[in-house]
Amino acid sequence: MIRILHTADWHLGQTFFGYDRVEEHAHFLDWLARELKENEIDVLLIAGDVFDVSNPSAASQRMFYRFIRRVTTENPQLQLVIVAGNHDYIGNQSFYKDFEWADNVVFFRKNTYTIDLYSETF
């Protein structure tokens, strides 16, 4: 059995009516990391809007990269599937295009993909 955890709309870097949400986002990412490990999740599907803007701040990117490094270290078999959203779309200026992602991170950039998990094709 493959365990998939679906999430979306993190909006890292967002402020809410002038309030900084960094602490809230940090608590969420800590909770999510624990859930991935405790439930032995195979695939983390992030369906859009990791960031609140298409060109996020360095602090927001750092928070995301540290989360990715943490969960892949704690869960070596974890696959991450990320779909860009309307706030952090993959355009010409998108940082998603320029970053060297690990082999376990897949970005949906077209209509269909084949992902191999444990020698099974879905």
Protein backbone atom coordinates (compact mmCIF):
# COMPACT_ATOMS: atom_id res chain seq x y z
CA MET A 1 0.00 0.00 0.00
CA ILE A 2 1.21 3.50 -0.86
CA ARG A 3 0.46 6.28 1.60
CA ILE A 4 -0.13 9.71 0.08
CA LEU A 5 -0.54 12.89 2.09
CA HIS A 6 -2.16 15.73 0.13
CA THR A 7 -1.78 19.35 1.12
CA ALA A 8 -1.96 22.76 -0.56
CA ASP A 9 -1.99 26.51 -0.08
CA TRP A 10 0.87 26.96 2.38
CA HIS A 11 1.46 30.56 1.24
CA LEU A 12 4.89 30.79 2.86
CA GLY A 13 5.96 34.41 3.16
CA GLN A 14 2.43 35.77 3.41
CA THR A 15 1.43 38.44 5.85
CA PHE A 16 -2.17 38.58 7.02
CA PHE A 17 -3.55 42.07 7.56
CA GLY A 18 -0.05 43.21 8.50
CA TYR A 19 0.74 40.23 10.74
CA ASP A 20 3.80 38.18 9.91
CA ARG A 21 2.96 34.46 9.65
CA VAL A 22 6.52 33.06 9.98
CA GLU A 23 5.88 31.46 13.38
CA GLU A 24 2.60 29.95 12.18
CA HIS A 25 4.29 28.52 9.08
CA ALA A 26 7.14 27.10 11.17
CA HIS A 27 4.65 25.32 13.46
CA PHE A 28 2.80 23.95 10.42
CA LEU A 29 5.98 22.60 8.81
CA ASP A 30 7.05 20.98 12.11
CA TRP A 31 3.62 19.34 12.42
CA LEU A 32 3.74 18.17 8.80
CA ALA A 33 7.23 16.70 9.23
CA ARG A 34 6.02 14.73 12.27
CA GLU A 35 2.96 13.46 10.37
CA LEU A 36 5.11 12.29 7.47
CA LYS A 37 7.39 10.32 9.76
CA GLU A 38 4.81 8.94 12.21
CA ASN A 39 2.48 7.78 9.41
CA GLU A 40 5.28 6.51 7.15
CA ILE A 41 4.05 8.57 4.21
CA ASP A 42 5.42 7.57 0.79
CA VAL A 43 4.31 10.61 -1.23
CA LEU A 44 3.77 14.20 -0.16
CA LEU A 45 1.57 15.89 -2.76
CA ILE A 46 1.59 19.68 -2.55
CA ALA A 47 -1.14 20.95 -4.85
CA GLY A 48 -0.29 24.57 -5.38
CA ASP A 49 0.78 27.75 -3.65
CA VAL A 50 3.73 26.72 -1.51
CA PHE A 51 4.56 30.42 -1.63
CA ASP A 52 2.34 33.46 -1.68
CA VAL A 53 4.12 34.98 -4.69
CA SER A 54 5.96 33.70 -7.77
CA ASN A 55 9.24 35.26 -6.61
CA PRO A 56 9.34 34.54 -2.85
CA SER A 57 11.70 36.14 -0.36
CA ALA A 58 14.99 34.48 0.52
CA ALA A 59 13.65 33.78 4.02
CA SER A 60 10.60 31.98 2.62
CA GLN A 61 12.72 29.95 0.22
CA ARG A 62 15.10 29.04 3.05
CA MET A 63 12.17 27.85 5.19
CA PHE A 64 10.96 25.63 2.33
CA TYR A 65 14.40 24.23 1.48
CA ARG A 66 15.10 23.41 5.12
CA PHE A 67 11.76 21.60 5.33
CA ILE A 68 12.55 19.60 2.16
CA ARG A 69 15.99 18.67 3.50
CA ARG A 70 14.56 17.69 6.89
CA VAL A 71 11.77 15.47 5.62
CA THR A 72 13.91 13.74 3.00
CA THR A 73 16.61 13.07 5.60
CA GLU A 74 14.08 11.72 8.10
CA ASN A 75 12.16 9.79 5.39
CA PRO A 76 14.64 8.65 2.70
CA GLN A 77 11.95 6.94 0.59
CA LEU A 78 9.66 10.01 0.56
CA GLN A 79 8.68 11.33 -2.86
CA LEU A 80 7.55 14.95 -3.17
CA VAL A 81 5.16 15.94 -5.93
CA ILE A 82 4.60 19.67 -6.28
CA VAL A 83 2.10 21.46 -8.47
CA ALA A 84 2.66 25.18 -8.85
CA GLY A 85 -0.36 27.31 -8.06
CA ASN A 86 -1.77 30.62 -9.16
CA HIS A 87 0.32 32.49 -6.55
CA ASP A 88 3.63 30.70 -7.23
CA TYR A 89 3.22 29.68 -10.87
CA ILE A 90 6.11 28.43 -13.00
CA GLY A 91 6.81 31.37 -15.29
CA ASN A 92 9.93 32.88 -16.83
CA GLN A 93 10.93 34.50 -13.52
CA SER A 94 9.98 31.55 -11.29
CA PHE A 95 12.68 30.33 -8.95
CA TYR A 96 11.29 26.79 -9.41
CA LYS A 97 12.90 26.72 -12.87
CA ASP A 98 16.41 27.65 -11.76
CA PHE A 99 16.87 25.53 -8.66
CA GLU A 100 18.60 22.13 -8.75
CA TRP A 101 16.03 19.82 -7.15
CA ALA A 102 16.76 16.40 -5.69
CA ASP A 103 15.68 13.28 -7.58
CA ASN A 104 12.81 12.68 -5.16
CA VAL A 105 11.15 16.02 -6.03
CA VAL A 106 8.83 16.19 -9.04
CA PHE A 107 7.17 19.35 -10.37
CA PHE A 108 4.11 19.01 -12.56
CA ARG A 109 4.74 21.30 -15.49
CA LYS A 110 2.56 19.60 -18.10
CA ASN A 111 -0.71 17.70 -18.27
CA THR A 112 0.44 14.12 -17.59
CA TYR A 113 3.33 12.40 -15.86
CA THR A 114 4.41 8.91 -15.00
CA ILE A 115 5.96 8.50 -11.58
CA ASP A 116 7.76 5.29 -10.62
CA LEU A 117 7.44 4.38 -6.95
CA TYR A 118 9.01 1.18 -5.68
CA SER A 119 9.19 -0.21 -9.23
CA GLU A 120 5.46 0.30 -9.77
CA THR A 121 4.10 2.73 -12.36
CA PHE A 122 1.01 4.81 -11.63
